[in-house]
Amino acid sequence: MITSEALLELTVRAADDKRAEDIMALDVRGISLLADYFVICHGNSEKQVSAITSEIVDKAHEAGVEVGRVEGKDKGKWVLIDLGDVIVHVFHGEERDFYNLEKLWSDAPLVEITEWVA
């Protein structure tokens, strides 16, 4: 069983491997019952959003993590990946600006992830 912190690192590194932009991790343990962490990032094209999503799902499977639902992949604008303790939001850049989840979850502390990204 992988810890939620290890799953967070795996997720951030996978997103970074596909050049996801402005990767942000929020610690929602004290705020939400849904998960321990939210990861928010974006790509600049539907193709990149799809590549980021596939990389995260593939790395999770390799680590033995049960991937719950993956919503929105066919549209490539906002993909939600349910990894249990970590929920990942992969946006197309314009959609990220519009929905502004960072503001919605502004009570959640940011997780320091700089050592995991290039």
PDB file of N, CA and C in Angstrom:
ATOM      1  N   MET A   1       0.850  -1.196   0.000  1.00  0.00           N
ATOM      2  CA  MET A   1       0.000   0.000   0.000  1.00  0.00           C
ATOM      3  C   MET A   1       0.881   1.241   0.000  1.00  0.00           C
ATOM      4  N   ILE A   2       0.672   2.087  -0.951  1.00  0.00           N
ATOM      5  CA  ILE A   2       1.452   3.316  -1.101  1.00  0.00           C
ATOM      6  C   ILE A   2       0.841   4.415  -0.228  1.00  0.00           C
ATOM      7  N   THR A   3       1.690   5.200   0.431  1.00  0.00           N
ATOM      8  CA  THR A   3       1.186   6.290   1.272  1.00  0.00           C
ATOM      9  C   THR A   3       0.638   7.415   0.390  1.00  0.00           C
ATOM     10  N   SER A   4      -0.197   8.246   0.970  1.00  0.00           N
ATOM     11  CA  SER A   4      -0.742   9.354   0.187  1.00  0.00           C
ATOM     12  C   SER A   4       0.367  10.332  -0.215  1.00  0.00           C
ATOM     13  N   GLU A   5       1.386  10.483   0.628  1.00  0.00           N
ATOM     14  CA  GLU A   5       2.514  11.363   0.294  1.00  0.00           C
ATOM     15  C   GLU A   5       3.309  10.801  -0.887  1.00  0.00           C
ATOM     16  N   ALA A   6       3.547   9.491  -0.893  1.00  0.00           N
ATOM     17  CA  ALA A   6       4.268   8.860  -2.006  1.00  0.00           C
ATOM     18  C   ALA A   6       3.444   8.934  -3.289  1.00  0.00           C
ATOM     19  N   LEU A   7       2.140   8.766  -3.163  1.00  0.00           N
ATOM     20  CA  LEU A   7       1.252   8.879  -4.330  1.00  0.00           C
ATOM     21  C   LEU A   7       1.254  10.309  -4.863  1.00  0.00           C
ATOM     22  N   LEU A   8       1.287  11.270  -3.970  1.00  0.00           N
ATOM     23  CA  LEU A   8       1.371  12.672  -4.382  1.00  0.00           C
ATOM     24  C   LEU A   8       2.653  12.906  -5.182  1.00  0.00           C
ATOM     25  N   GLU A   9       3.772  12.428  -4.671  1.00  0.00           N
ATOM     26  CA  GLU A   9       5.043  12.609  -5.376  1.00  0.00           C
ATOM     27  C   GLU A   9       5.018  11.929  -6.743  1.00  0.00           C
ATOM     28  N   LEU A  10       4.505  10.701  -6.791  1.00  0.00           N
ATOM     29  CA  LEU A  10       4.406   9.971  -8.060  1.00  0.00           C
ATOM     30  C   LEU A  10       3.582  10.770  -9.071  1.00  0.00           C
ATOM     31  N   THR A  11       2.493  11.327  -8.619  1.00  0.00           N
ATOM     32  CA  THR A  11       1.584  12.086  -9.482  1.00  0.00           C
ATOM     33  C   THR A  11       2.254  13.350 -10.016  1.00  0.00           C
ATOM     34  N   VAL A  12       2.897  14.085  -9.118  1.00  0.00           N
ATOM     35  CA  VAL A  12       3.563  15.327  -9.519  1.00  0.00           C
ATOM     36  C   VAL A  12       4.681  15.038 -10.514  1.00  0.00           C
ATOM     37  N   ARG A  13       5.479  14.002 -10.239  1.00  0.00           N
ATOM     38  CA  ARG A  13       6.579  13.660 -11.144  1.00  0.00           C
ATOM     39  C   ARG A  13       6.051  13.216 -12.517  1.00  0.00           C
ATOM     40  N   ALA A  14       4.964  12.442 -12.525  1.00  0.00           N
ATOM     41  CA  ALA A  14       4.379  11.982 -13.795  1.00  0.00           C
ATOM     42  C   ALA A  14       3.872  13.169 -14.611  1.00  0.00           C
ATOM     43  N   ALA A  15       3.208  14.110 -13.953  1.00  0.00           N
ATOM     44  CA  ALA A  15       2.715  15.302 -14.655  1.00  0.00           C
ATOM     45  C   ALA A  15       3.889  16.106 -15.207  1.00  0.00           C
ATOM     46  N   ASP A  16       4.924  16.239 -14.397  1.00  0.00           N
ATOM     47  CA  ASP A  16       6.095  16.996 -14.825  1.00  0.00           C
ATOM     48  C   ASP A  16       6.796  16.316 -16.005  1.00  0.00           C
ATOM     49  N   ASP A  17       6.806  14.990 -16.016  1.00  0.00           N
ATOM     50  CA  ASP A  17       7.431  14.248 -17.119  1.00  0.00           C
ATOM     51  C   ASP A  17       6.797  14.587 -18.465  1.00  0.00           C
ATOM     52  N   LYS A  18       5.533  14.952 -18.457  1.00  0.00           N
ATOM     53  CA  LYS A  18       4.838  15.315 -19.696  1.00  0.00           C
ATOM     54  C   LYS A  18       4.695  16.833 -19.825  1.00  0.00           C
ATOM     55  N   ARG A  19       5.554  17.540 -19.103  1.00  0.00           N
ATOM     56  CA  ARG A  19       5.649  19.004 -19.178  1.00  0.00           C
ATOM     57  C   ARG A  19       4.350  19.731 -18.798  1.00  0.00           C
ATOM     58  N   ALA A  20       3.662  19.198 -17.806  1.00  0.00           N
ATOM     59  CA  ALA A  20       2.493  19.913 -17.286  1.00  0.00           C
ATOM     60  C   ALA A  20       2.962  21.266 -16.754  1.00  0.00           C
ATOM     61  N   GLU A  21       2.107  22.251 -16.880  1.00  0.00           N
ATOM     62  CA  GLU A  21       2.473  23.600 -16.464  1.00  0.00           C
ATOM     63  C   GLU A  21       1.842  23.955 -15.121  1.00  0.00           C
ATOM     64  N   ASP A  22       2.570  24.782 -14.379  1.00  0.00           N
ATOM     65  CA  ASP A  22       2.097  25.336 -13.107  1.00  0.00           C
ATOM     66  C   ASP A  22       1.474  24.245 -12.220  1.00  0.00           C
ATOM     67  N   ILE A  23       2.251  23.202 -11.954  1.00  0.00           N
ATOM     68  CA  ILE A  23       1.764  22.106 -11.105  1.00  0.00           C
ATOM     69  C   ILE A  23       1.659  22.619  -9.677  1.00  0.00           C
ATOM     70  N   MET A  24       0.518  22.343  -9.069  1.00  0.00           N
ATOM     71  CA  MET A  24       0.248  22.804  -7.718  1.00  0.00           C
ATOM     72  C   MET A  24      -0.367  21.652  -6.926  1.00  0.00           C
ATOM     73  N   ALA A  25       0.090  21.468  -5.704  1.00  0.00           N
ATOM     74  CA  ALA A  25      -0.485  20.443  -4.832  1.00  0.00           C
ATOM     75  C   ALA A  25      -1.062  21.125  -3.598  1.00  0.00           C
ATOM     76  N   LEU A  26      -2.290  20.782  -3.278  1.00  0.00           N
ATOM     77  CA  LEU A  26      -2.982  21.348  -2.124  1.00  0.00           C
ATOM     78  C   LEU A  26      -3.230  20.257  -1.093  1.00  0.00           C
ATOM     79  N   ASP A  27      -2.933  20.556   0.148  1.00  0.00           N
ATOM     80  CA  ASP A  27      -3.186  19.632   1.248  1.00  0.00           C
ATOM     81  C   ASP A  27      -4.603  19.896   1.747  1.00  0.00           C
ATOM     82  N   VAL A  28      -5.519  18.996   1.409  1.00  0.00           N
ATOM     83  CA  VAL A  28      -6.928  19.206   1.765  1.00  0.00           C
ATOM     84  C   VAL A  28      -7.385  18.283   2.894  1.00  0.00           C
ATOM     85  N   ARG A  29      -6.425  17.702   3.615  1.00  0.00           N
ATOM     86  CA  ARG A  29      -6.781  16.744   4.679  1.00  0.00           C
ATOM     87  C   ARG A  29      -7.709  17.335   5.728  1.00  0.00           C
ATOM     88  N   GLY A  30      -7.506  18.586   6.103  1.00  0.00           N
ATOM     89  CA  GLY A  30      -8.346  19.181   7.136  1.00  0.00           C
ATOM     90  C   GLY A  30      -9.590  19.861   6.588  1.00  0.00           C
ATOM     91  N   ILE A  31      -9.761  19.816   5.271  1.00  0.00           N
ATOM     92  CA  ILE A  31     -10.827  20.582   4.635  1.00  0.00           C
ATOM     93  C   ILE A  31     -11.842  19.703   3.915  1.00  0.00           C
ATOM     94  N   SER A  32     -11.370  18.612   3.330  1.00  0.00           N
ATOM     95  CA  SER A  32     -12.225  17.783   2.485  1.00  0.00           C
ATOM     96  C   SER A  32     -12.164  16.323   2.918  1.00  0.00           C
ATOM     97  N   LEU A  33     -13.289  15.660   2.818  1.00  0.00           N
ATOM     98  CA  LEU A  33     -13.326  14.223   3.079  1.00  0.00           C
ATOM     99  C   LEU A  33     -13.024  13.421   1.822  1.00  0.00           C
ATOM    100  N   LEU A  34     -12.936  14.115   0.671  1.00  0.00           N
ATOM    101  CA  LEU A  34     -12.728  13.449  -0.611  1.00  0.00           C
ATOM    102  C   LEU A  34     -11.352  12.820  -0.742  1.00  0.00           C
ATOM    103  N   ALA A  35     -10.334  13.521  -0.267  1.00  0.00           N
ATOM    104  CA  ALA A  35      -8.965  13.085  -0.507  1.00  0.00           C
ATOM    105  C   ALA A  35      -8.031  13.782   0.474  1.00  0.00           C
ATOM    106  N   ASP A  36      -6.759  13.372   0.452  1.00  0.00           N
ATOM    107  CA  ASP A  36      -5.730  14.048   1.245  1.00  0.00           C
ATOM    108  C   ASP A  36      -5.119  15.209   0.475  1.00  0.00           C
ATOM    109  N   TYR A  37      -4.980  15.005  -0.836  1.00  0.00           N
ATOM    110  CA  TYR A  37      -4.336  16.026  -1.673  1.00  0.00           C
ATOM    111  C   TYR A  37      -5.084  16.219  -2.982  1.00  0.00           C
ATOM    112  N   PHE A  38      -5.051  17.448  -3.462  1.00  0.00           N
ATOM    113  CA  PHE A  38      -5.480  17.771  -4.818  1.00  0.00           C
ATOM    114  C   PHE A  38      -4.239  18.207  -5.577  1.00  0.00           C
ATOM    115  N   VAL A  39      -4.105  17.718  -6.787  1.00  0.00           N
ATOM    116  CA  VAL A  39      -3.064  18.194  -7.679  1.00  0.00           C
ATOM    117  C   VAL A  39      -3.766  18.898  -8.830  1.00  0.00           C
ATOM    118  N   ILE A  40      -3.298  20.103  -9.143  1.00  0.00           N
ATOM    119  CA  ILE A  40      -3.864  20.896 -10.230  1.00  0.00           C
ATOM    120  C   ILE A  40      -2.724  21.265 -11.169  1.00  0.00           C
ATOM    121  N   CYS A  41      -2.957  21.039 -12.458  1.00  0.00           N
ATOM    122  CA  CYS A  41      -1.955  21.411 -13.452  1.00  0.00           C
ATOM    123  C   CYS A  41      -2.667  21.634 -14.777  1.00  0.00           C
ATOM    124  N   HIS A  42      -1.906  22.071 -15.786  1.00  0.00           N
ATOM    125  CA  HIS A  42      -2.533  22.236 -17.091  1.00  0.00           C
ATOM    126  C   HIS A  42      -1.556  21.967 -18.220  1.00  0.00           C
ATOM    127  N   GLY A  43      -2.167  21.694 -19.365  1.00  0.00           N
ATOM    128  CA  GLY A  43      -1.435  21.557 -20.613  1.00  0.00           C
ATOM    129  C   GLY A  43      -1.937  22.615 -21.568  1.00  0.00           C
ATOM    130  N   ASN A  44      -1.199  22.811 -22.654  1.00  0.00           N
ATOM    131  CA  ASN A  44      -1.550  23.885 -23.583  1.00  0.00           C
ATOM    132  C   ASN A  44      -2.286  23.410 -24.826  1.00  0.00           C
ATOM    133  N   SER A  45      -2.586  22.115 -24.867  1.00  0.00           N
ATOM    134  CA  SER A  45      -3.367  21.579 -25.982  1.00  0.00           C
ATOM    135  C   SER A  45      -4.121  20.358 -25.472  1.00  0.00           C
ATOM    136  N   GLU A  46      -5.146  19.957 -26.207  1.00  0.00           N
ATOM    137  CA  GLU A  46      -5.895  18.763 -25.816  1.00  0.00           C
ATOM    138  C   GLU A  46      -4.987  17.532 -25.850  1.00  0.00           C
ATOM    139  N   LYS A  47      -4.072  17.511 -26.809  1.00  0.00           N
ATOM    140  CA  LYS A  47      -3.127  16.394 -26.919  1.00  0.00           C
ATOM    141  C   LYS A  47      -2.226  16.318 -25.684  1.00  0.00           C
ATOM    142  N   GLN A  48      -1.750  17.470 -25.207  1.00  0.00           N
ATOM    143  CA  GLN A  48      -0.896  17.466 -24.022  1.00  0.00           C
ATOM    144  C   GLN A  48      -1.687  17.080 -22.774  1.00  0.00           C
ATOM    145  N   VAL A  49      -2.909  17.564 -22.651  1.00  0.00           N
ATOM    146  CA  VAL A  49      -3.767  17.187 -21.517  1.00  0.00           C
ATOM    147  C   VAL A  49      -3.937  15.666 -21.500  1.00  0.00           C
ATOM    148  N   SER A  50      -4.165  15.081 -22.660  1.00  0.00           N
ATOM    149  CA  SER A  50      -4.316  13.632 -22.777  1.00  0.00           C
ATOM    150  C   SER A  50      -3.023  12.908 -22.394  1.00  0.00           C
ATOM    151  N   ALA A  51      -1.881  13.431 -22.837  1.00  0.00           N
ATOM    152  CA  ALA A  51      -0.593  12.802 -22.517  1.00  0.00           C
ATOM    153  C   ALA A  51      -0.303  12.865 -21.021  1.00  0.00           C
ATOM    154  N   ILE A  52      -0.589  13.999 -20.391  1.00  0.00           N
ATOM    155  CA  ILE A  52      -0.394  14.135 -18.942  1.00  0.00           C
ATOM    156  C   ILE A  52      -1.282  13.130 -18.207  1.00  0.00           C
ATOM    157  N   THR A  53      -2.534  13.068 -18.609  1.00  0.00           N
ATOM    158  CA  THR A  53      -3.491  12.148 -17.987  1.00  0.00           C
ATOM    159  C   THR A  53      -3.022  10.703 -18.115  1.00  0.00           C
ATOM    160  N   SER A  54      -2.636  10.309 -19.315  1.00  0.00           N
ATOM    161  CA  SER A  54      -2.193   8.930 -19.548  1.00  0.00           C
ATOM    162  C   SER A  54      -0.962   8.591 -18.711  1.00  0.00           C
ATOM    163  N   GLU A  55      -0.029   9.524 -18.619  1.00  0.00           N
ATOM    164  CA  GLU A  55       1.200   9.280 -17.841  1.00  0.00           C
ATOM    165  C   GLU A  55       0.881   9.078 -16.365  1.00  0.00           C
ATOM    166  N   ILE A  56       0.004   9.903 -15.819  1.00  0.00           N
ATOM    167  CA  ILE A  56      -0.374   9.778 -14.407  1.00  0.00           C
ATOM    168  C   ILE A  56      -1.059   8.436 -14.165  1.00  0.00           C
ATOM    169  N   VAL A  57      -2.004   8.078 -15.026  1.00  0.00           N
ATOM    170  CA  VAL A  57      -2.736   6.809 -14.873  1.00  0.00           C
ATOM    171  C   VAL A  57      -1.774   5.625 -15.018  1.00  0.00           C
ATOM    172  N   ASP A  58      -0.876   5.681 -15.997  1.00  0.00           N
ATOM    173  CA  ASP A  58       0.090   4.592 -16.204  1.00  0.00           C
ATOM    174  C   ASP A  58       1.002   4.420 -14.999  1.00  0.00           C
ATOM    175  N   LYS A  59       1.535   5.526 -14.482  1.00  0.00           N
ATOM    176  CA  LYS A  59       2.442   5.453 -13.323  1.00  0.00           C
ATOM    177  C   LYS A  59       1.702   4.943 -12.086  1.00  0.00           C
ATOM    178  N   ALA A  60       0.449   5.326 -11.934  1.00  0.00           N
ATOM    179  CA  ALA A  60      -0.345   4.846 -10.803  1.00  0.00           C
ATOM    180  C   ALA A  60      -0.542   3.332 -10.914  1.00  0.00           C
ATOM    181  N   HIS A  61      -0.891   2.860 -12.105  1.00  0.00           N
ATOM    182  CA  HIS A  61      -1.060   1.415 -12.316  1.00  0.00           C
ATOM    183  C   HIS A  61       0.238   0.665 -12.015  1.00  0.00           C
ATOM    184  N   GLU A  62       1.368   1.196 -12.503  1.00  0.00           N
ATOM    185  CA  GLU A  62       2.671   0.561 -12.257  1.00  0.00           C
ATOM    186  C   GLU A  62       2.973   0.452 -10.763  1.00  0.00           C
ATOM    187  N   ALA A  63       2.507   1.426  -9.988  1.00  0.00           N
ATOM    188  CA  ALA A  63       2.746   1.431  -8.543  1.00  0.00           C
ATOM    189  C   ALA A  63       1.711   0.605  -7.784  1.00  0.00           C
ATOM    190  N   GLY A  64       0.785  -0.007  -8.508  1.00  0.00           N
ATOM    191  CA  GLY A  64      -0.235  -0.826  -7.868  1.00  0.00           C
ATOM    192  C   GLY A  64      -1.373  -0.035  -7.264  1.00  0.00           C
ATOM    193  N   VAL A  65      -1.521   1.202  -7.691  1.00  0.00           N
ATOM    194  CA  VAL A  65      -2.589   2.063  -7.187  1.00  0.00           C
ATOM    195  C   VAL A  65      -3.855   1.802  -7.989  1.00  0.00           C
ATOM    196  N   GLU A  66      -4.946   1.638  -7.288  1.00  0.00           N
ATOM    197  CA  GLU A  66      -6.225   1.463  -7.971  1.00  0.00           C
ATOM    198  C   GLU A  66      -6.709   2.825  -8.454  1.00  0.00           C
ATOM    199  N   VAL A  67      -6.862   2.947  -9.748  1.00  0.00           N
ATOM    200  CA  VAL A  67      -7.351   4.193 -10.333  1.00  0.00           C
ATOM    201  C   VAL A  67      -8.868   4.130 -10.332  1.00  0.00           C
ATOM    202  N   GLY A  68      -9.479   5.104  -9.672  1.00  0.00           N
ATOM    203  CA  GLY A  68     -10.940   5.162  -9.638  1.00  0.00           C
ATOM    204  C   GLY A  68     -11.459   5.614 -10.987  1.00  0.00           C
ATOM    205  N   ARG A  69     -12.117   6.706 -10.995  1.00  0.00           N
ATOM    206  CA  ARG A  69     -12.677   7.212 -12.249  1.00  0.00           C
ATOM    207  C   ARG A  69     -11.731   8.205 -12.904  1.00  0.00           C
ATOM    208  N   VAL A  70     -11.807   8.250 -14.213  1.00  0.00           N
ATOM    209  CA  VAL A  70     -11.119   9.275 -14.997  1.00  0.00           C
ATOM    210  C   VAL A  70     -12.213   9.952 -15.817  1.00  0.00           C
ATOM    211  N   GLU A  71     -12.525  11.174 -15.455  1.00  0.00           N
ATOM    212  CA  GLU A  71     -13.643  11.893 -16.077  1.00  0.00           C
ATOM    213  C   GLU A  71     -13.136  12.996 -16.990  1.00  0.00           C
ATOM    214  N   GLY A  72     -13.728  13.137 -18.155  1.00  0.00           N
ATOM    215  CA  GLY A  72     -13.449  14.249 -19.042  1.00  0.00           C
ATOM    216  C   GLY A  72     -12.331  14.018 -20.046  1.00  0.00           C
ATOM    217  N   LYS A  73     -11.752  12.825 -20.053  1.00  0.00           N
ATOM    218  CA  LYS A  73     -10.606  12.577 -20.928  1.00  0.00           C
ATOM    219  C   LYS A  73     -10.968  12.724 -22.404  1.00  0.00           C
ATOM    220  N   ASP A  74     -12.173  12.365 -22.761  1.00  0.00           N
ATOM    221  CA  ASP A  74     -12.573  12.437 -24.176  1.00  0.00           C
ATOM    222  C   ASP A  74     -12.685  13.877 -24.682  1.00  0.00           C
ATOM    223  N   LYS A  75     -12.894  14.823 -23.789  1.00  0.00           N
ATOM    224  CA  LYS A  75     -13.021  16.220 -24.209  1.00  0.00           C
ATOM    225  C   LYS A  75     -11.697  16.975 -24.157  1.00  0.00           C
ATOM    226  N   GLY A  76     -10.798  16.598 -23.254  1.00  0.00           N
ATOM    227  CA  GLY A  76      -9.483  17.212 -23.196  1.00  0.00           C
ATOM    228  C   GLY A  76      -9.445  18.629 -22.675  1.00  0.00           C
ATOM    229  N   LYS A  77     -10.485  19.045 -21.957  1.00  0.00           N
ATOM    230  CA  LYS A  77     -10.525  20.407 -21.410  1.00  0.00           C
ATOM    231  C   LYS A  77     -10.282  20.419 -19.903  1.00  0.00           C
ATOM    232  N   TRP A  78     -10.896  19.457 -19.203  1.00  0.00           N
ATOM    233  CA  TRP A  78     -10.703  19.325 -17.754  1.00  0.00           C
ATOM    234  C   TRP A  78     -10.850  17.848 -17.449  1.00  0.00           C
ATOM    235  N   VAL A  79      -9.755  17.221 -17.054  1.00  0.00           N
ATOM    236  CA  VAL A  79      -9.782  15.801 -16.727  1.00  0.00           C
ATOM    237  C   VAL A  79      -9.600  15.663 -15.220  1.00  0.00           C
ATOM    238  N   LEU A  80     -10.456  14.873 -14.608  1.00  0.00           N
ATOM    239  CA  LEU A  80     -10.356  14.575 -13.191  1.00  0.00           C
ATOM    240  C   LEU A  80      -9.952  13.113 -13.057  1.00  0.00           C
ATOM    241  N   ILE A  81      -8.871  12.876 -12.309  1.00  0.00           N
ATOM    242  CA  ILE A  81      -8.376  11.523 -12.083  1.00  0.00           C
ATOM    243  C   ILE A  81      -8.504  11.227 -10.595  1.00  0.00           C
ATOM    244  N   ASP A  82      -9.273  10.209 -10.255  1.00  0.00           N
ATOM    245  CA  ASP A  82      -9.479   9.816  -8.864  1.00  0.00           C
ATOM    246  C   ASP A  82      -8.508   8.698  -8.512  1.00  0.00           C
ATOM    247  N   LEU A  83      -7.495   9.042  -7.715  1.00  0.00           N
ATOM    248  CA  LEU A  83      -6.526   8.041  -7.252  1.00  0.00           C
ATOM    249  C   LEU A  83      -6.735   7.721  -5.774  1.00  0.00           C
ATOM    250  N   GLY A  84      -7.922   8.010  -5.282  1.00  0.00           N
ATOM    251  CA  GLY A  84      -8.216   7.738  -3.873  1.00  0.00           C
ATOM    252  C   GLY A  84      -7.749   8.891  -3.001  1.00  0.00           C
ATOM    253  N   ASP A  85      -6.557   8.758  -2.415  1.00  0.00           N
ATOM    254  CA  ASP A  85      -6.027   9.803  -1.529  1.00  0.00           C
ATOM    255  C   ASP A  85      -5.589  11.055  -2.280  1.00  0.00           C
ATOM    256  N   VAL A  86      -5.411  10.928  -3.578  1.00  0.00           N
ATOM    257  CA  VAL A  86      -5.002  12.075  -4.403  1.00  0.00           C
ATOM    258  C   VAL A  86      -5.996  12.223  -5.557  1.00  0.00           C
ATOM    259  N   ILE A  87      -6.531  13.414  -5.684  1.00  0.00           N
ATOM    260  CA  ILE A  87      -7.413  13.742  -6.807  1.00  0.00           C
ATOM    261  C   ILE A  87      -6.631  14.693  -7.708  1.00  0.00           C
ATOM    262  N   VAL A  88      -6.581  14.369  -8.991  1.00  0.00           N
ATOM    263  CA  VAL A  88      -5.803  15.170  -9.927  1.00  0.00           C
ATOM    264  C   VAL A  88      -6.739  15.880 -10.903  1.00  0.00           C
ATOM    265  N   HIS A  89      -6.488  17.161 -11.090  1.00  0.00           N
ATOM    266  CA  HIS A  89      -7.231  17.970 -12.057  1.00  0.00           C
ATOM    267  C   HIS A  89      -6.236  18.393 -13.131  1.00  0.00           C
ATOM    268  N   VAL A  90      -6.436  17.901 -14.347  1.00  0.00           N
ATOM    269  CA  VAL A  90      -5.586  18.286 -15.471  1.00  0.00           C
ATOM    270  C   VAL A  90      -6.439  19.140 -16.404  1.00  0.00           C
ATOM    271  N   PHE A  91      -6.085  20.389 -16.504  1.00  0.00           N
ATOM    272  CA  PHE A  91      -6.859  21.335 -17.298  1.00  0.00           C
ATOM    273  C   PHE A  91      -6.166  21.666 -18.609  1.00  0.00           C
ATOM    274  N   HIS A  92      -6.959  22.108 -19.571  1.00  0.00           N
ATOM    275  CA  HIS A  92      -6.451  22.890 -20.689  1.00  0.00           C
ATOM    276  C   HIS A  92      -6.277  24.287 -20.096  1.00  0.00           C
ATOM    277  N   GLY A  93      -5.240  25.006 -20.494  1.00  0.00           N
ATOM    278  CA  GLY A  93      -4.914  26.291 -19.874  1.00  0.00           C
ATOM    279  C   GLY A  93      -6.078  27.243 -19.703  1.00  0.00           C
ATOM    280  N   GLU A  94      -6.879  27.428 -20.753  1.00  0.00           N
ATOM    281  CA  GLU A  94      -7.997  28.370 -20.690  1.00  0.00           C
ATOM    282  C   GLU A  94      -9.049  27.934 -19.668  1.00  0.00           C
ATOM    283  N   GLU A  95      -9.286  26.637 -19.597  1.00  0.00           N
ATOM    284  CA  GLU A  95     -10.281  26.118 -18.650  1.00  0.00           C
ATOM    285  C   GLU A  95      -9.805  26.325 -17.214  1.00  0.00           C
ATOM    286  N   ARG A  96      -8.502  26.165 -16.989  1.00  0.00           N
ATOM    287  CA  ARG A  96      -7.973  26.351 -15.642  1.00  0.00           C
ATOM    288  C   ARG A  96      -8.228  27.779 -15.164  1.00  0.00           C
ATOM    289  N   ASP A  97      -7.965  28.738 -16.029  1.00  0.00           N
ATOM    290  CA  ASP A  97      -8.210  30.134 -15.670  1.00  0.00           C
ATOM    291  C   ASP A  97      -9.684  30.372 -15.351  1.00  0.00           C
ATOM    292  N   PHE A  98     -10.556  29.773 -16.141  1.00  0.00           N
ATOM    293  CA  PHE A  98     -11.994  29.972 -15.965  1.00  0.00           C
ATOM    294  C   PHE A  98     -12.490  29.400 -14.635  1.00  0.00           C
ATOM    295  N   TYR A  99     -12.111  28.159 -14.324  1.00  0.00           N
ATOM    296  CA  TYR A  99     -12.638  27.495 -13.119  1.00  0.00           C
ATOM    297  C   TYR A  99     -11.901  27.903 -11.853  1.00  0.00           C
ATOM    298  N   ASN A 100     -10.642  28.268 -11.959  1.00  0.00           N
ATOM    299  CA  ASN A 100      -9.860  28.798 -10.843  1.00  0.00           C
ATOM    300  C   ASN A 100     -10.032  27.998  -9.545  1.00  0.00           C
ATOM    301  N   LEU A 101      -9.773  26.700  -9.609  1.00  0.00           N
ATOM    302  CA  LEU A 101      -9.907  25.845  -8.426  1.00  0.00           C
ATOM    303  C   LEU A 101      -9.001  26.275  -7.292  1.00  0.00           C
ATOM    304  N   GLU A 102      -7.862  26.846  -7.632  1.00  0.00           N
ATOM    305  CA  GLU A 102      -6.940  27.297  -6.586  1.00  0.00           C
ATOM    306  C   GLU A 102      -7.625  28.291  -5.654  1.00  0.00           C
ATOM    307  N   LYS A 103      -8.443  29.167  -6.228  1.00  0.00           N
ATOM    308  CA  LYS A 103      -9.158  30.146  -5.405  1.00  0.00           C
ATOM    309  C   LYS A 103     -10.260  29.454  -4.602  1.00  0.00           C
ATOM    310  N   LEU A 104     -10.958  28.521  -5.234  1.00  0.00           N
ATOM    311  CA  LEU A 104     -12.027  27.800  -4.554  1.00  0.00           C
ATOM    312  C   LEU A 104     -11.502  27.059  -3.321  1.00  0.00           C
ATOM    313  N   TRP A 105     -10.292  26.507  -3.431  1.00  0.00           N
ATOM    314  CA  TRP A 105      -9.680  25.744  -2.346  1.00  0.00           C
ATOM    315  C   TRP A 105      -8.568  26.537  -1.669  1.00  0.00           C
ATOM    316  N   SER A 106      -8.720  27.859  -1.609  1.00  0.00           N
ATOM    317  CA  SER A 106      -7.651  28.713  -1.078  1.00  0.00           C
ATOM    318  C   SER A 106      -7.376  28.482   0.412  1.00  0.00           C
ATOM    319  N   ASP A 107      -8.286  27.824   1.125  1.00  0.00           N
ATOM    320  CA  ASP A 107      -8.049  27.502   2.535  1.00  0.00           C
ATOM    321  C   ASP A 107      -7.030  26.372   2.695  1.00  0.00           C
ATOM    322  N   ALA A 108      -6.787  25.628   1.632  1.00  0.00           N
ATOM    323  CA  ALA A 108      -5.876  24.485   1.694  1.00  0.00           C
ATOM    324  C   ALA A 108      -4.430  24.956   1.547  1.00  0.00           C
ATOM    325  N   PRO A 109      -3.557  24.497   2.452  1.00  0.00           N
ATOM    326  CA  PRO A 109      -2.146  24.880   2.317  1.00  0.00           C
ATOM    327  C   PRO A 109      -1.507  24.245   1.084  1.00  0.00           C
ATOM    328  N   LEU A 110      -0.594  24.994   0.482  1.00  0.00           N
ATOM    329  CA  LEU A 110       0.179  24.462  -0.639  1.00  0.00           C
ATOM    330  C   LEU A 110       1.215  23.475  -0.111  1.00  0.00           C
ATOM    331  N   VAL A 111       1.470  22.438  -0.886  1.00  0.00           N
ATOM    332  CA  VAL A 111       2.509  21.467  -0.555  1.00  0.00           C
ATOM    333  C   VAL A 111       3.753  21.851  -1.344  1.00  0.00           C
ATOM    334  N   GLU A 112       4.896  21.836  -0.695  1.00  0.00           N
ATOM    335  CA  GLU A 112       6.162  22.160  -1.352  1.00  0.00           C
ATOM    336  C   GLU A 112       6.551  20.994  -2.275  1.00  0.00           C
ATOM    337  N   ILE A 113       6.558  21.245  -3.584  1.00  0.00           N
ATOM    338  CA  ILE A 113       6.830  20.173  -4.557  1.00  0.00           C
ATOM    339  C   ILE A 113       8.028  20.483  -5.451  1.00  0.00           C
ATOM    340  N   THR A 114       8.745  21.561  -5.187  1.00  0.00           N
ATOM    341  CA  THR A 114       9.806  21.989  -6.102  1.00  0.00           C
ATOM    342  C   THR A 114      10.869  20.922  -6.324  1.00  0.00           C
ATOM    343  N   GLU A 115      11.143  20.098  -5.326  1.00  0.00           N
ATOM    344  CA  GLU A 115      12.176  19.066  -5.496  1.00  0.00           C
ATOM    345  C   GLU A 115      11.722  17.929  -6.418  1.00  0.00           C
ATOM    346  N   TRP A 116      10.435  17.879  -6.735  1.00  0.00           N
ATOM    347  CA  TRP A 116       9.900  16.819  -7.594  1.00  0.00           C
ATOM    348  C   TRP A 116       9.755  17.246  -9.046  1.00  0.00           C
ATOM    349  N   VAL A 117       9.907  18.527  -9.330  1.00  0.00           N
ATOM    350  CA  VAL A 117       9.719  19.017 -10.696  1.00  0.00           C
ATOM    351  C   VAL A 117      11.025  19.559 -11.257  1.00  0.00           C
ATOM    352  N   ALA A 118      11.162  19.425 -12.574  1.00  0.00           N
ATOM    353  CA  ALA A 118      12.406  19.861 -13.229  1.00  0.00           C
ATOM    354  C   ALA A 118      12.464  21.372 -13.318  1.00  0.00           C
TER     355      ALA A 118
END
